[in-house]
C-alpha atoms as a PDB file:
ATOM      1  CA  MET A   1      48.533  33.724   4.646  1.00  0.00           C
ATOM      2  CA  GLU A   2      50.925  35.734   2.512  1.00  0.00           C
ATOM      3  CA  TRP A   3      53.714  33.207   2.955  1.00  0.00           C
ATOM      4  CA  SER A   4      51.362  30.299   2.244  1.00  0.00           C
ATOM      5  CA  GLY A   5      50.324  31.882  -1.023  1.00  0.00           C
ATOM      6  CA  ALA A   6      53.898  32.747  -1.933  1.00  0.00           C
ATOM      7  CA  SER A   7      55.237  29.251  -1.284  1.00  0.00           C
ATOM      8  CA  ALA A   8      52.271  27.459  -2.885  1.00  0.00           C
ATOM      9  CA  PRO A   9      50.846  29.824  -5.522  1.00  0.00           C
ATOM     10  CA  GLY A  10      48.446  27.193  -6.916  1.00  0.00           C
ATOM     11  CA  ALA A  11      46.999  26.251  -3.531  1.00  0.00           C
ATOM     12  CA  THR A  12      43.493  27.066  -2.404  1.00  0.00           C
ATOM     13  CA  ILE A  13      43.742  29.072   0.821  1.00  0.00           C
ATOM     14  CA  LEU A  14      40.691  29.317   3.046  1.00  0.00           C
ATOM     15  CA  TYR A  15      40.760  31.903   5.827  1.00  0.00           C
ATOM     16  CA  VAL A  16      38.700  30.926   8.888  1.00  0.00           C
ATOM     17  CA  TYR A  17      37.997  33.784  11.274  1.00  0.00           C
ATOM     18  CA  GLY A  18      36.581  33.835  14.778  1.00  0.00           C
ATOM     19  CA  LYS A  19      36.651  35.913  17.945  1.00  0.00           C
ATOM     20  CA  ASP A  20      39.296  33.606  19.393  1.00  0.00           C
ATOM     21  CA  VAL A  21      41.607  31.636  17.123  1.00  0.00           C
ATOM     22  CA  LEU A  22      41.814  28.609  19.428  1.00  0.00           C
ATOM     23  CA  ALA A  23      38.341  28.496  20.951  1.00  0.00           C
ATOM     24  CA  ASN A  24      36.428  29.435  17.797  1.00  0.00           C
ATOM     25  CA  SER A  25      38.290  29.308  14.499  1.00  0.00           C
ATOM     26  CA  LEU A  26      40.410  26.226  15.116  1.00  0.00           C
ATOM     27  CA  THR A  27      37.651  24.148  16.675  1.00  0.00           C
ATOM     28  CA  SER A  28      35.199  25.159  13.917  1.00  0.00           C
ATOM     29  CA  ALA A  29      37.660  24.173  11.213  1.00  0.00           C
ATOM     30  CA  ILE A  30      38.260  20.780  12.840  1.00  0.00           C
ATOM     31  CA  ASP A  31      34.638  20.051  13.809  1.00  0.00           C
ATOM     32  CA  ALA A  32      33.233  20.899  10.372  1.00  0.00           C
ATOM     33  CA  SER A  33      31.866  17.955   8.450  1.00  0.00           C
ATOM     34  CA  PRO A  34      33.308  17.449   5.962  1.00  0.00           C
ATOM     35  CA  THR A  35      36.589  18.797   7.287  1.00  0.00           C
ATOM     36  CA  ILE A  36      37.296  22.257   5.900  1.00  0.00           C
ATOM     37  CA  ALA A  37      40.870  21.454   4.850  1.00  0.00           C
ATOM     38  CA  PRO A  38      43.426  18.657   5.178  1.00  0.00           C
ATOM     39  CA  ILE A  39      46.041  21.144   6.399  1.00  0.00           C
ATOM     40  CA  ILE A  40      45.390  23.743   9.094  1.00  0.00           C
ATOM     41  CA  THR A  41      47.911  26.292  10.273  1.00  0.00           C
ATOM     42  CA  ILE A  42      47.606  28.878  13.021  1.00  0.00           C
ATOM     43  CA  SER A  43      49.753  31.333  14.896  1.00  0.00           C
ATOM     44  CA  TYR A  44      49.498  31.190  18.668  1.00  0.00           C
ATOM     45  CA  GLY A  45      50.726  34.761  18.943  1.00  0.00           C
ATOM     46  CA  GLY A  46      52.945  33.806  21.847  1.00  0.00           C
ATOM     47  CA  CYS A  47      55.376  31.233  23.149  1.00  0.00           C
ATOM     48  CA  GLU A  48      53.705  27.875  23.839  1.00  0.00           C
ATOM     49  CA  SER A  49      55.591  27.472  27.124  1.00  0.00           C
ATOM     50  CA  GLY A  50      53.727  30.497  28.476  1.00  0.00           C
ATOM     51  CA  PHE A  51      50.309  28.888  28.001  1.00  0.00           C
ATOM     52  CA  GLY A  52      50.738  26.170  30.631  1.00  0.00           C
ATOM     53  CA  ALA A  53      50.629  22.384  30.468  1.00  0.00           C
ATOM     54  CA  SER A  54      46.850  22.023  30.950  1.00  0.00           C
ATOM     55  CA  PHE A  55      46.086  24.452  28.125  1.00  0.00           C
ATOM     56  CA  LEU A  56      48.510  22.730  25.770  1.00  0.00           C
ATOM     57  CA  ALA A  57      47.199  19.260  26.653  1.00  0.00           C
ATOM     58  CA  THR A  58      43.669  20.333  25.710  1.00  0.00           C
ATOM     59  CA  TYR A  59      44.739  21.678  22.336  1.00  0.00           C
ATOM     60  CA  ASN A  60      47.061  18.752  21.674  1.00  0.00           C
ATOM     61  CA  GLN A  61      43.971  16.514  21.930  1.00  0.00           C
ATOM     62  CA  LEU A  62      42.086  18.774  19.533  1.00  0.00           C
ATOM     63  CA  LEU A  63      44.960  18.685  17.044  1.00  0.00           C
ATOM     64  CA  GLN A  64      45.153  14.886  17.350  1.00  0.00           C
ATOM     65  CA  LEU A  65      41.448  14.767  16.459  1.00  0.00           C
ATOM     66  CA  ALA A  66      42.180  16.919  13.408  1.00  0.00           C
ATOM     67  CA  ASN A  67      44.920  14.508  12.385  1.00  0.00           C
ATOM     68  CA  VAL A  68      42.588  11.519  12.664  1.00  0.00           C
ATOM     69  CA  LYS A  69      39.865  13.258  10.650  1.00  0.00           C
ATOM     70  CA  ALA A  70      42.343  14.233   7.904  1.00  0.00           C
ATOM     71  CA  SER A  71      43.767  10.713   7.558  1.00  0.00           C
ATOM     72  CA  PRO A  72      42.431   8.695   4.621  1.00  0.00           C
END
């Protein structure tokens, strides 16, 4: 969040918190109607290759949904 504010000082930054960033915060931000923000950024906290293909496929679908919802 610090770097987002530093690189875009005029931007509105909304912090979404949950018990689990992927299962709660990310899905809540995407599922909200209207969408909370057109740009969402997260930190996995680890290397994506360590999560496994099935895990990544699930979240790739979720992120594709976010992209569709954010498109005009």
